[in-house]
């Protein structure tokens, strides 16, 4: 099974705006240096995005903007300790799942 075009488009769009420094929810936050200096912060943002996003039975994304908000709120709080994430993250949102095997299964 492949990921849906809907998910692929949502992920691509999120990745573009986050990595270009133009995500509208991060205006005024200087976070691009995290990519080279503190990549674990970026890793966590993508993990939150992947954990929060929901798809229907046809693979259509149901909550892309909410998944983005939860992810970029992490970046904002990382860069600005006075920013409070509301509601606070639940454990399942910030869980880091294991990596894939070193060799492809196919």
PDB file of N, CA and C in Angstrom:
ATOM      1  N   UNK A   1       0.847  -1.171   0.000  1.00  0.00           N
ATOM      2  CA  UNK A   1       0.000   0.000   0.000  1.00  0.00           C
ATOM      3  C   UNK A   1       0.897   1.241   0.000  1.00  0.00           C
ATOM      4  N   UNK A   2       0.548   2.178  -0.816  1.00  0.00           N
ATOM      5  CA  UNK A   2       1.274   3.447  -0.877  1.00  0.00           C
ATOM      6  C   UNK A   2       0.486   4.518  -0.142  1.00  0.00           C
ATOM      7  N   UNK A   3       1.195   5.539   0.301  1.00  0.00           N
ATOM      8  CA  UNK A   3       0.516   6.683   0.890  1.00  0.00           C
ATOM      9  C   UNK A   3      -0.297   7.383  -0.191  1.00  0.00           C
ATOM     10  N   UNK A   4      -1.377   7.986   0.216  1.00  0.00           N
ATOM     11  CA  UNK A   4      -2.275   8.631  -0.740  1.00  0.00           C
ATOM     12  C   UNK A   4      -1.669   9.910  -1.310  1.00  0.00           C
ATOM     13  N   UNK A   5      -2.187  10.321  -2.460  1.00  0.00           N
ATOM     14  CA  UNK A   5      -1.791  11.604  -3.046  1.00  0.00           C
ATOM     15  C   UNK A   5      -2.153  12.751  -2.114  1.00  0.00           C
ATOM     16  N   UNK A   6      -3.263  12.618  -1.406  1.00  0.00           N
ATOM     17  CA  UNK A   6      -3.688  13.650  -0.473  1.00  0.00           C
ATOM     18  C   UNK A   6      -2.652  13.832   0.636  1.00  0.00           C
ATOM     19  N   UNK A   7      -2.197  12.711   1.206  1.00  0.00           N
ATOM     20  CA  UNK A   7      -1.174  12.802   2.253  1.00  0.00           C
ATOM     21  C   UNK A   7       0.141  13.318   1.685  1.00  0.00           C
ATOM     22  N   UNK A   8       0.525  12.810   0.533  1.00  0.00           N
ATOM     23  CA  UNK A   8       1.770  13.247  -0.095  1.00  0.00           C
ATOM     24  C   UNK A   8       1.763  14.755  -0.327  1.00  0.00           C
ATOM     25  N   UNK A   9       0.648  15.279  -0.812  1.00  0.00           N
ATOM     26  CA  UNK A   9       0.527  16.720  -1.041  1.00  0.00           C
ATOM     27  C   UNK A   9       0.559  17.517   0.247  1.00  0.00           C
ATOM     28  N   UNK A  10      -0.103  17.008   1.285  1.00  0.00           N
ATOM     29  CA  UNK A  10      -0.105  17.703   2.575  1.00  0.00           C
ATOM     30  C   UNK A  10       1.299  17.730   3.172  1.00  0.00           C
ATOM     31  N   UNK A  11       1.997  16.610   3.126  1.00  0.00           N
ATOM     32  CA  UNK A  11       3.352  16.538   3.669  1.00  0.00           C
ATOM     33  C   UNK A  11       4.309  17.422   2.875  1.00  0.00           C
ATOM     34  N   UNK A  12       4.212  17.368   1.558  1.00  0.00           N
ATOM     35  CA  UNK A  12       5.080  18.184   0.705  1.00  0.00           C
ATOM     36  C   UNK A  12       4.889  19.659   1.012  1.00  0.00           C
ATOM     37  N   UNK A  13       3.640  20.083   1.120  1.00  0.00           N
ATOM     38  CA  UNK A  13       3.348  21.483   1.382  1.00  0.00           C
ATOM     39  C   UNK A  13       3.893  21.911   2.739  1.00  0.00           C
ATOM     40  N   UNK A  14       3.649  21.096   3.759  1.00  0.00           N
ATOM     41  CA  UNK A  14       4.170  21.397   5.093  1.00  0.00           C
ATOM     42  C   UNK A  14       5.692  21.476   5.070  1.00  0.00           C
ATOM     43  N   UNK A  15       6.337  20.501   4.428  1.00  0.00           N
ATOM     44  CA  UNK A  15       7.802  20.475   4.363  1.00  0.00           C
ATOM     45  C   UNK A  15       8.344  21.717   3.656  1.00  0.00           C
ATOM     46  N   UNK A  16       7.704  22.118   2.577  1.00  0.00           N
ATOM     47  CA  UNK A  16       8.159  23.298   1.844  1.00  0.00           C
ATOM     48  C   UNK A  16       8.104  24.548   2.719  1.00  0.00           C
ATOM     49  N   UNK A  17       6.942  24.814   3.312  1.00  0.00           N
ATOM     50  CA  UNK A  17       6.804  26.055   4.074  1.00  0.00           C
ATOM     51  C   UNK A  17       7.648  26.034   5.345  1.00  0.00           C
ATOM     52  N   UNK A  18       7.819  24.869   5.953  1.00  0.00           N
ATOM     53  CA  UNK A  18       8.662  24.805   7.141  1.00  0.00           C
ATOM     54  C   UNK A  18      10.127  25.010   6.773  1.00  0.00           C
ATOM     55  N   UNK A  19      10.599  24.325   5.743  1.00  0.00           N
ATOM     56  CA  UNK A  19      12.029  24.396   5.412  1.00  0.00           C
ATOM     57  C   UNK A  19      12.414  25.669   4.666  1.00  0.00           C
ATOM     58  N   UNK A  20      11.448  26.370   4.097  1.00  0.00           N
ATOM     59  CA  UNK A  20      11.770  27.627   3.406  1.00  0.00           C
ATOM     60  C   UNK A  20      11.757  28.830   4.351  1.00  0.00           C
ATOM     61  N   UNK A  21      11.274  28.607   5.563  1.00  0.00           N
ATOM     62  CA  UNK A  21      11.193  29.713   6.517  1.00  0.00           C
ATOM     63  C   UNK A  21       9.998  30.608   6.295  1.00  0.00           C
ATOM     64  N   UNK A  22       9.018  30.135   5.532  1.00  0.00           N
ATOM     65  CA  UNK A  22       7.873  30.980   5.188  1.00  0.00           C
ATOM     66  C   UNK A  22       6.552  30.460   5.753  1.00  0.00           C
ATOM     67  N   UNK A  23       6.604  29.574   6.727  1.00  0.00           N
ATOM     68  CA  UNK A  23       5.340  29.078   7.286  1.00  0.00           C
ATOM     69  C   UNK A  23       4.655  30.214   8.030  1.00  0.00           C
ATOM     70  N   UNK A  24       3.421  30.500   7.654  1.00  0.00           N
ATOM     71  CA  UNK A  24       2.711  31.662   8.180  1.00  0.00           C
ATOM     72  C   UNK A  24       2.517  31.621   9.688  1.00  0.00           C
ATOM     73  N   UNK A  25       2.510  30.450  10.291  1.00  0.00           N
ATOM     74  CA  UNK A  25       2.332  30.357  11.732  1.00  0.00           C
ATOM     75  C   UNK A  25       3.630  30.592  12.503  1.00  0.00           C
ATOM     76  N   UNK A  26       4.728  30.755  11.775  1.00  0.00           N
ATOM     77  CA  UNK A  26       6.012  31.001  12.421  1.00  0.00           C
ATOM     78  C   UNK A  26       6.592  32.366  12.051  1.00  0.00           C
ATOM     79  N   UNK A  27       5.739  33.284  11.614  1.00  0.00           N
ATOM     80  CA  UNK A  27       6.215  34.640  11.308  1.00  0.00           C
ATOM     81  C   UNK A  27       6.901  35.232  12.527  1.00  0.00           C
ATOM     82  N   UNK A  28       8.075  35.796  12.317  1.00  0.00           N
ATOM     83  CA  UNK A  28       8.808  36.430  13.399  1.00  0.00           C
ATOM     84  C   UNK A  28       9.642  35.486  14.241  1.00  0.00           C
ATOM     85  N   UNK A  29       9.589  34.198  13.949  1.00  0.00           N
ATOM     86  CA  UNK A  29      10.381  33.214  14.697  1.00  0.00           C
ATOM     87  C   UNK A  29      11.573  32.809  13.837  1.00  0.00           C
ATOM     88  N   UNK A  30      12.774  33.015  14.363  1.00  0.00           N
ATOM     89  CA  UNK A  30      13.997  32.665  13.638  1.00  0.00           C
ATOM     90  C   UNK A  30      14.355  31.217  13.960  1.00  0.00           C
ATOM     91  N   UNK A  31      13.886  30.301  13.126  1.00  0.00           N
ATOM     92  CA  UNK A  31      14.053  28.887  13.424  1.00  0.00           C
ATOM     93  C   UNK A  31      14.872  28.118  12.390  1.00  0.00           C
ATOM     94  N   UNK A  32      15.206  28.741  11.265  1.00  0.00           N
ATOM     95  CA  UNK A  32      15.878  27.990  10.206  1.00  0.00           C
ATOM     96  C   UNK A  32      17.234  27.431  10.631  1.00  0.00           C
ATOM     97  N   UNK A  33      17.901  28.081  11.555  1.00  0.00           N
ATOM     98  CA  UNK A  33      19.195  27.573  12.020  1.00  0.00           C
ATOM     99  C   UNK A  33      19.061  26.230  12.734  1.00  0.00           C
ATOM    100  N   UNK A  34      17.860  25.895  13.179  1.00  0.00           N
ATOM    101  CA  UNK A  34      17.653  24.602  13.831  1.00  0.00           C
ATOM    102  C   UNK A  34      17.990  23.453  12.888  1.00  0.00           C
ATOM    103  N   UNK A  35      17.797  23.655  11.595  1.00  0.00           N
ATOM    104  CA  UNK A  35      18.071  22.593  10.627  1.00  0.00           C
ATOM    105  C   UNK A  35      19.511  22.115  10.703  1.00  0.00           C
ATOM    106  N   UNK A  36      20.446  23.005  10.878  1.00  0.00           N
ATOM    107  CA  UNK A  36      21.844  22.599  10.932  1.00  0.00           C
ATOM    108  C   UNK A  36      22.382  22.442  12.339  1.00  0.00           C
ATOM    109  N   UNK A  37      21.830  23.189  13.278  1.00  0.00           N
ATOM    110  CA  UNK A  37      22.391  23.214  14.622  1.00  0.00           C
ATOM    111  C   UNK A  37      21.659  22.318  15.616  1.00  0.00           C
ATOM    112  N   UNK A  38      20.361  22.168  15.463  1.00  0.00           N
ATOM    113  CA  UNK A  38      19.578  21.361  16.395  1.00  0.00           C
ATOM    114  C   UNK A  38      18.503  20.585  15.626  1.00  0.00           C
ATOM    115  N   UNK A  39      18.952  19.637  14.800  1.00  0.00           N
ATOM    116  CA  UNK A  39      17.987  18.927  13.957  1.00  0.00           C
ATOM    117  C   UNK A  39      16.957  18.118  14.740  1.00  0.00           C
ATOM    118  N   UNK A  40      17.228  17.797  15.995  1.00  0.00           N
ATOM    119  CA  UNK A  40      16.235  17.031  16.763  1.00  0.00           C
ATOM    120  C   UNK A  40      14.948  17.835  16.958  1.00  0.00           C
ATOM    121  N   UNK A  41      15.033  19.161  16.961  1.00  0.00           N
ATOM    122  CA  UNK A  41      13.826  19.990  17.067  1.00  0.00           C
ATOM    123  C   UNK A  41      12.983  19.851  15.803  1.00  0.00           C
ATOM    124  N   UNK A  42      13.632  19.823  14.655  1.00  0.00           N
ATOM    125  CA  UNK A  42      12.918  19.639  13.388  1.00  0.00           C
ATOM    126  C   UNK A  42      12.358  18.220  13.318  1.00  0.00           C
ATOM    127  N   UNK A  43      13.145  17.247  13.763  1.00  0.00           N
ATOM    128  CA  UNK A  43      12.682  15.861  13.803  1.00  0.00           C
ATOM    129  C   UNK A  43      11.401  15.753  14.623  1.00  0.00           C
ATOM    130  N   UNK A  44      11.370  16.407  15.782  1.00  0.00           N
ATOM    131  CA  UNK A  44      10.183  16.340  16.637  1.00  0.00           C
ATOM    132  C   UNK A  44       8.981  16.993  15.958  1.00  0.00           C
ATOM    133  N   UNK A  45       9.194  18.096  15.260  1.00  0.00           N
ATOM    134  CA  UNK A  45       8.084  18.749  14.552  1.00  0.00           C
ATOM    135  C   UNK A  45       7.473  17.811  13.524  1.00  0.00           C
ATOM    136  N   UNK A  46       8.315  17.122  12.766  1.00  0.00           N
ATOM    137  CA  UNK A  46       7.792  16.175  11.775  1.00  0.00           C
ATOM    138  C   UNK A  46       7.139  14.976  12.447  1.00  0.00           C
ATOM    139  N   UNK A  47       7.674  14.528  13.566  1.00  0.00           N
ATOM    140  CA  UNK A  47       7.055  13.417  14.296  1.00  0.00           C
ATOM    141  C   UNK A  47       5.667  13.820  14.777  1.00  0.00           C
ATOM    142  N   UNK A  48       5.535  15.016  15.317  1.00  0.00           N
ATOM    143  CA  UNK A  48       4.225  15.501  15.769  1.00  0.00           C
ATOM    144  C   UNK A  48       3.261  15.563  14.591  1.00  0.00           C
ATOM    145  N   UNK A  49       3.726  16.123  13.490  1.00  0.00           N
ATOM    146  CA  UNK A  49       2.882  16.206  12.291  1.00  0.00           C
ATOM    147  C   UNK A  49       2.388  14.814  11.898  1.00  0.00           C
ATOM    148  N   UNK A  50       3.301  13.859  11.816  1.00  0.00           N
ATOM    149  CA  UNK A  50       2.940  12.506  11.384  1.00  0.00           C
ATOM    150  C   UNK A  50       2.033  11.813  12.393  1.00  0.00           C
ATOM    151  N   UNK A  51       2.236  12.067  13.676  1.00  0.00           N
ATOM    152  CA  UNK A  51       1.411  11.438  14.702  1.00  0.00           C
ATOM    153  C   UNK A  51       0.003  12.022  14.750  1.00  0.00           C
ATOM    154  N   UNK A  52      -0.141  13.285  14.426  1.00  0.00           N
ATOM    155  CA  UNK A  52      -1.424  13.983  14.565  1.00  0.00           C
ATOM    156  C   UNK A  52      -2.285  13.887  13.312  1.00  0.00           C
ATOM    157  N   UNK A  53      -1.664  13.837  12.147  1.00  0.00           N
ATOM    158  CA  UNK A  53      -2.453  13.874  10.912  1.00  0.00           C
ATOM    159  C   UNK A  53      -3.376  12.652  10.821  1.00  0.00           C
ATOM    160  N   UNK A  54      -4.576  12.882  10.308  1.00  0.00           N
ATOM    161  CA  UNK A  54      -5.565  11.813  10.176  1.00  0.00           C
ATOM    162  C   UNK A  54      -6.027  11.709   8.731  1.00  0.00           C
ATOM    163  N   UNK A  55      -6.276  10.473   8.316  1.00  0.00           N
ATOM    164  CA  UNK A  55      -6.747  10.186   6.971  1.00  0.00           C
ATOM    165  C   UNK A  55      -8.065   9.426   7.063  1.00  0.00           C
ATOM    166  N   UNK A  56      -8.927   9.627   6.074  1.00  0.00           N
ATOM    167  CA  UNK A  56     -10.140   8.816   6.018  1.00  0.00           C
ATOM    168  C   UNK A  56      -9.812   7.480   5.345  1.00  0.00           C
ATOM    169  N   UNK A  57     -10.804   6.641   5.166  1.00  0.00           N
ATOM    170  CA  UNK A  57     -10.573   5.306   4.612  1.00  0.00           C
ATOM    171  C   UNK A  57     -10.090   5.327   3.165  1.00  0.00           C
ATOM    172  N   UNK A  58     -10.269   6.456   2.482  1.00  0.00           N
ATOM    173  CA  UNK A  58      -9.771   6.598   1.106  1.00  0.00           C
ATOM    174  C   UNK A  58      -8.399   7.260   1.053  1.00  0.00           C
ATOM    175  N   UNK A  59      -7.831   7.589   2.209  1.00  0.00           N
ATOM    176  CA  UNK A  59      -6.516   8.219   2.252  1.00  0.00           C
ATOM    177  C   UNK A  59      -6.542   9.729   2.166  1.00  0.00           C
ATOM    178  N   UNK A  60      -7.726  10.331   2.216  1.00  0.00           N
ATOM    179  CA  UNK A  60      -7.831  11.790   2.174  1.00  0.00           C
ATOM    180  C   UNK A  60      -7.489  12.381   3.535  1.00  0.00           C
ATOM    181  N   UNK A  61      -6.661  13.411   3.527  1.00  0.00           N
ATOM    182  CA  UNK A  61      -6.261  14.070   4.767  1.00  0.00           C
ATOM    183  C   UNK A  61      -7.448  14.845   5.323  1.00  0.00           C
ATOM    184  N   UNK A  62      -7.687  14.664   6.616  1.00  0.00           N
ATOM    185  CA  UNK A  62      -8.827  15.304   7.270  1.00  0.00           C
ATOM    186  C   UNK A  62      -8.451  16.538   8.085  1.00  0.00           C
ATOM    187  N   UNK A  63      -7.211  16.627   8.545  1.00  0.00           N
ATOM    188  CA  UNK A  63      -6.846  17.681   9.489  1.00  0.00           C
ATOM    189  C   UNK A  63      -5.444  18.247   9.256  1.00  0.00           C
ATOM    190  N   UNK A  64      -5.116  18.546   8.025  1.00  0.00           N
ATOM    191  CA  UNK A  64      -3.768  19.016   7.693  1.00  0.00           C
ATOM    192  C   UNK A  64      -3.387  20.272   8.470  1.00  0.00           C
ATOM    193  N   UNK A  65      -4.279  21.227   8.563  1.00  0.00           N
ATOM    194  CA  UNK A  65      -3.945  22.496   9.241  1.00  0.00           C
ATOM    195  C   UNK A  65      -3.750  22.293  10.738  1.00  0.00           C
ATOM    196  N   UNK A  66      -4.546  21.414  11.337  1.00  0.00           N
ATOM    197  CA  UNK A  66      -4.377  21.141  12.767  1.00  0.00           C
ATOM    198  C   UNK A  66      -3.042  20.428  13.015  1.00  0.00           C
ATOM    199  N   UNK A  67      -2.694  19.464  12.157  1.00  0.00           N
ATOM    200  CA  UNK A  67      -1.409  18.770  12.292  1.00  0.00           C
ATOM    201  C   UNK A  67      -0.261  19.763  12.145  1.00  0.00           C
ATOM    202  N   UNK A  68      -0.376  20.680  11.193  1.00  0.00           N
ATOM    203  CA  UNK A  68       0.644  21.720  11.031  1.00  0.00           C
ATOM    204  C   UNK A  68       0.757  22.573  12.284  1.00  0.00           C
ATOM    205  N   UNK A  69      -0.391  22.998  12.819  1.00  0.00           N
ATOM    206  CA  UNK A  69      -0.380  23.859  14.002  1.00  0.00           C
ATOM    207  C   UNK A  69       0.303  23.168  15.175  1.00  0.00           C
ATOM    208  N   UNK A  70      -0.013  21.915  15.398  1.00  0.00           N
ATOM    209  CA  UNK A  70       0.613  21.202  16.513  1.00  0.00           C
ATOM    210  C   UNK A  70       2.126  21.117  16.294  1.00  0.00           C
ATOM    211  N   UNK A  71       2.547  20.876  15.063  1.00  0.00           N
ATOM    212  CA  UNK A  71       3.972  20.758  14.761  1.00  0.00           C
ATOM    213  C   UNK A  71       4.693  22.102  14.894  1.00  0.00           C
ATOM    214  N   UNK A  72       4.127  23.155  14.320  1.00  0.00           N
ATOM    215  CA  UNK A  72       4.822  24.447  14.380  1.00  0.00           C
ATOM    216  C   UNK A  72       4.748  25.057  15.778  1.00  0.00           C
ATOM    217  N   UNK A  73       3.726  24.703  16.553  1.00  0.00           N
ATOM    218  CA  UNK A  73       3.705  25.156  17.945  1.00  0.00           C
ATOM    219  C   UNK A  73       4.905  24.612  18.704  1.00  0.00           C
ATOM    220  N   UNK A  74       5.341  23.392  18.360  1.00  0.00           N
ATOM    221  CA  UNK A  74       6.534  22.835  18.985  1.00  0.00           C
ATOM    222  C   UNK A  74       7.757  23.688  18.633  1.00  0.00           C
ATOM    223  N   UNK A  75       7.912  24.036  17.356  1.00  0.00           N
ATOM    224  CA  UNK A  75       9.037  24.871  16.934  1.00  0.00           C
ATOM    225  C   UNK A  75       8.985  26.218  17.648  1.00  0.00           C
ATOM    226  N   UNK A  76       7.810  26.822  17.675  1.00  0.00           N
ATOM    227  CA  UNK A  76       7.651  28.124  18.348  1.00  0.00           C
ATOM    228  C   UNK A  76       8.049  28.016  19.819  1.00  0.00           C
ATOM    229  N   UNK A  77       7.579  26.988  20.501  1.00  0.00           N
ATOM    230  CA  UNK A  77       7.896  26.840  21.927  1.00  0.00           C
ATOM    231  C   UNK A  77       9.376  26.521  22.138  1.00  0.00           C
ATOM    232  N   UNK A  78       9.985  25.846  21.186  1.00  0.00           N
ATOM    233  CA  UNK A  78      11.415  25.527  21.264  1.00  0.00           C
ATOM    234  C   UNK A  78      12.248  26.804  21.150  1.00  0.00           C
ATOM    235  N   UNK A  79      11.830  27.684  20.249  1.00  0.00           N
ATOM    236  CA  UNK A  79      12.567  28.930  20.014  1.00  0.00           C
ATOM    237  C   UNK A  79      12.206  30.027  21.020  1.00  0.00           C
ATOM    238  N   UNK A  80      11.005  29.970  21.559  1.00  0.00           N
ATOM    239  CA  UNK A  80      10.514  30.989  22.497  1.00  0.00           C
ATOM    240  C   UNK A  80       9.940  30.282  23.722  1.00  0.00           C
ATOM    241  N   UNK A  81      10.766  30.080  24.751  1.00  0.00           N
ATOM    242  CA  UNK A  81      10.310  29.348  25.938  1.00  0.00           C
ATOM    243  C   UNK A  81       9.105  29.969  26.642  1.00  0.00           C
ATOM    244  N   UNK A  82       8.787  31.228  26.337  1.00  0.00           N
ATOM    245  CA  UNK A  82       7.612  31.842  26.963  1.00  0.00           C
ATOM    246  C   UNK A  82       6.310  31.435  26.257  1.00  0.00           C
ATOM    247  N   UNK A  83       6.422  30.850  25.065  1.00  0.00           N
ATOM    248  CA  UNK A  83       5.236  30.405  24.340  1.00  0.00           C
ATOM    249  C   UNK A  83       4.708  29.126  24.971  1.00  0.00           C
ATOM    250  N   UNK A  84       3.442  29.110  25.284  1.00  0.00           N
ATOM    251  CA  UNK A  84       2.801  27.950  25.902  1.00  0.00           C
ATOM    252  C   UNK A  84       1.947  27.235  24.854  1.00  0.00           C
ATOM    253  N   UNK A  85       2.211  25.974  24.644  1.00  0.00           N
ATOM    254  CA  UNK A  85       1.433  25.161  23.707  1.00  0.00           C
ATOM    255  C   UNK A  85       0.111  24.797  24.376  1.00  0.00           C
ATOM    256  N   UNK A  86      -0.981  25.133  23.698  1.00  0.00           N
ATOM    257  CA  UNK A  86      -2.320  24.835  24.205  1.00  0.00           C
ATOM    258  C   UNK A  86      -3.118  24.081  23.153  1.00  0.00           C
ATOM    259  N   UNK A  87      -3.710  22.963  23.480  1.00  0.00           N
ATOM    260  CA  UNK A  87      -3.533  22.248  24.735  1.00  0.00           C
ATOM    261  C   UNK A  87      -2.150  21.622  24.787  1.00  0.00           C
ATOM    262  N   UNK A  88      -1.674  21.304  25.988  1.00  0.00           N
ATOM    263  CA  UNK A  88      -0.352  20.662  26.092  1.00  0.00           C
ATOM    264  C   UNK A  88      -0.321  19.370  25.269  1.00  0.00           C
ATOM    265  N   UNK A  89       0.860  19.006  24.827  1.00  0.00           N
ATOM    266  CA  UNK A  89       0.982  17.774  24.042  1.00  0.00           C
ATOM    267  C   UNK A  89       0.645  16.557  24.892  1.00  0.00           C
ATOM    268  N   UNK A  90      -0.044  15.634  24.260  1.00  0.00           N
ATOM    269  CA  UNK A  90      -0.265  14.332  24.878  1.00  0.00           C
ATOM    270  C   UNK A  90       0.903  13.433  24.474  1.00  0.00           C
ATOM    271  N   UNK A  91       1.158  12.406  25.257  1.00  0.00           N
ATOM    272  CA  UNK A  91       2.297  11.527  25.006  1.00  0.00           C
ATOM    273  C   UNK A  91       2.311  10.969  23.591  1.00  0.00           C
ATOM    274  N   UNK A  92       1.153  10.582  23.071  1.00  0.00           N
ATOM    275  CA  UNK A  92       1.099   9.980  21.735  1.00  0.00           C
ATOM    276  C   UNK A  92       1.482  10.975  20.643  1.00  0.00           C
ATOM    277  N   UNK A  93       1.292  12.271  20.895  1.00  0.00           N
ATOM    278  CA  UNK A  93       1.631  13.284  19.890  1.00  0.00           C
ATOM    279  C   UNK A  93       3.139  13.451  19.733  1.00  0.00           C
ATOM    280  N   UNK A  94       3.869  13.262  20.804  1.00  0.00           N
ATOM    281  CA  UNK A  94       5.315  13.514  20.777  1.00  0.00           C
ATOM    282  C   UNK A  94       6.139  12.234  20.799  1.00  0.00           C
ATOM    283  N   UNK A  95       5.493  11.122  20.567  1.00  0.00           N
ATOM    284  CA  UNK A  95       6.208   9.850  20.548  1.00  0.00           C
ATOM    285  C   UNK A  95       7.082   9.749  19.301  1.00  0.00           C
ATOM    286  N   UNK A  96       8.325   9.338  19.515  1.00  0.00           N
ATOM    287  CA  UNK A  96       9.245   9.105  18.402  1.00  0.00           C
ATOM    288  C   UNK A  96       9.254   7.602  18.124  1.00  0.00           C
ATOM    289  N   UNK A  97       8.739   7.219  16.974  1.00  0.00           N
ATOM    290  CA  UNK A  97       8.678   5.810  16.610  1.00  0.00           C
ATOM    291  C   UNK A  97      10.017   5.371  16.030  1.00  0.00           C
ATOM    292  N   UNK A  98      10.266   4.081  16.074  1.00  0.00           N
ATOM    293  CA  UNK A  98      11.538   3.542  15.599  1.00  0.00           C
ATOM    294  C   UNK A  98      11.759   3.751  14.110  1.00  0.00           C
ATOM    295  N   UNK A  99      13.025   3.725  13.703  1.00  0.00           N
ATOM    296  CA  UNK A  99      13.361   3.894  12.282  1.00  0.00           C
ATOM    297  C   UNK A  99      13.050   2.625  11.498  1.00  0.00           C
ATOM    298  N   UNK A 100      13.028   2.747  10.172  1.00  0.00           N
ATOM    299  CA  UNK A 100      12.824   1.555   9.346  1.00  0.00           C
ATOM    300  C   UNK A 100      14.070   0.666   9.400  1.00  0.00           C
ATOM    301  N   UNK A 101      13.947  -0.570   8.920  1.00  0.00           N
ATOM    302  CA  UNK A 101      15.132  -1.450   8.882  1.00  0.00           C
ATOM    303  C   UNK A 101      16.200  -0.868   7.950  1.00  0.00           C
ATOM    304  N   UNK A 102      17.434  -1.300   8.159  1.00  0.00           N
ATOM    305  CA  UNK A 102      18.542  -0.799   7.334  1.00  0.00           C
ATOM    306  C   UNK A 102      18.423  -1.247   5.873  1.00  0.00           C
ATOM    307  N   UNK A 103      17.731  -2.337   5.634  1.00  0.00           N
ATOM    308  CA  UNK A 103      17.525  -2.822   4.268  1.00  0.00           C
ATOM    309  C   UNK A 103      16.032  -2.823   3.991  1.00  0.00           C
ATOM    310  N   UNK A 104      15.656  -2.415   2.779  1.00  0.00           N
ATOM    311  CA  UNK A 104      14.260  -2.457   2.376  1.00  0.00           C
ATOM    312  C   UNK A 104      13.722  -3.870   2.436  1.00  0.00           C
ATOM    313  N   UNK A 105      12.452  -3.987   2.744  1.00  0.00           N
ATOM    314  CA  UNK A 105      11.810  -5.292   2.850  1.00  0.00           C
ATOM    315  C   UNK A 105      11.414  -5.864   1.500  1.00  0.00           C
ATOM    316  N   UNK A 106      11.406  -5.018   0.448  1.00  0.00           N
ATOM    317  CA  UNK A 106      11.020  -5.503  -0.883  1.00  0.00           C
ATOM    318  C   UNK A 106      12.225  -5.572  -1.796  1.00  0.00           C
TER     319      UNK A 106
END
